[in-house]
Amino acid sequence: MMWFKSCPRCETGDLVLERDSYGWAFQCLHCGFMKDVPKPEHAKSILESLDRSRRPAAVA
């Protein structure tokens, strides 16, 4: 699965969900950012939490 322009590090990179001998992880195709994912079913919630951490805080 691929998410376009979703990398929390470079903000323009495309994330892919991949599996290797260590388990599942998100990887940015542009900058190499990696984030472990315990189970592929949790990928969407982890991606949403990464997205929330990247948004600027609301100013009151």
Protein backbone atom coordinates (compact mmCIF):
# COMPACT_ATOMS: atom_id res chain seq x y z
CA MET A 1 0.00 0.00 0.00
CA MET A 2 1.23 3.53 -0.72
CA TRP A 3 0.40 6.94 0.76
CA PHE A 4 1.43 9.93 -1.34
CA LYS A 5 3.07 12.97 0.30
CA SER A 6 2.62 11.52 3.80
CA CYS A 7 6.15 11.40 5.21
CA PRO A 8 6.39 13.13 8.61
CA ARG A 9 10.11 13.86 8.09
CA CYS A 10 10.37 15.33 4.58
CA GLU A 11 6.62 16.09 4.15
CA THR A 12 6.72 15.43 0.40
CA GLY A 13 7.78 11.79 0.40
CA ASP A 14 5.59 8.81 -0.41
CA LEU A 15 5.20 6.16 2.30
CA VAL A 16 4.90 2.46 1.53
CA LEU A 17 3.98 -0.34 3.92
CA GLU A 18 6.51 -3.14 3.55
CA ARG A 19 7.42 -6.36 5.29
CA ASP A 20 10.89 -7.74 5.86
CA SER A 21 12.46 -10.32 8.18
CA TYR A 22 11.92 -7.98 11.17
CA GLY A 23 8.23 -7.30 10.54
CA TRP A 24 6.08 -4.54 9.02
CA ALA A 25 7.21 -0.93 8.60
CA PHE A 26 6.40 2.30 6.82
CA GLN A 27 9.23 3.53 4.62
CA CYS A 28 9.57 6.83 2.76
CA LEU A 29 10.73 6.39 -0.82
CA HIS A 30 12.30 9.87 -0.85
CA CYS A 31 14.22 10.33 2.43
CA GLY A 32 14.39 6.81 3.90
CA PHE A 33 12.30 7.50 7.03
CA MET A 34 11.14 4.26 8.69
CA LYS A 35 8.48 3.57 11.33
CA ASP A 36 7.78 0.08 12.67
CA VAL A 37 4.20 -1.19 12.54
CA PRO A 38 3.27 -4.02 14.96
CA LYS A 39 0.53 -5.38 12.68
CA PRO A 40 -0.59 -4.27 9.23
CA GLU A 41 -4.12 -3.82 10.59
CA HIS A 42 -2.78 -0.95 12.75
CA ALA A 43 -1.18 0.86 9.80
CA LYS A 44 -4.02 3.34 9.29
CA SER A 45 -4.14 4.45 12.93
CA ILE A 46 -0.34 4.83 13.05
CA LEU A 47 -0.38 6.88 9.86
CA GLU A 48 -3.10 9.13 11.32
CA SER A 49 -1.04 9.69 14.50
CA LEU A 50 2.00 10.59 12.37
CA ASP A 51 -0.14 13.03 10.42
CA ARG A 52 -1.49 14.64 13.61
CA SER A 53 2.03 15.14 14.98
CA ARG A 54 3.04 16.96 11.80
CA ARG A 55 0.15 19.48 11.77
CA PRO A 56 0.77 22.89 13.34
CA ALA A 57 -1.03 23.55 16.61
CA ALA A 58 -4.21 25.62 16.40
CA VAL A 59 -3.77 29.17 17.57
CA ALA A 60 -6.58 30.53 19.73
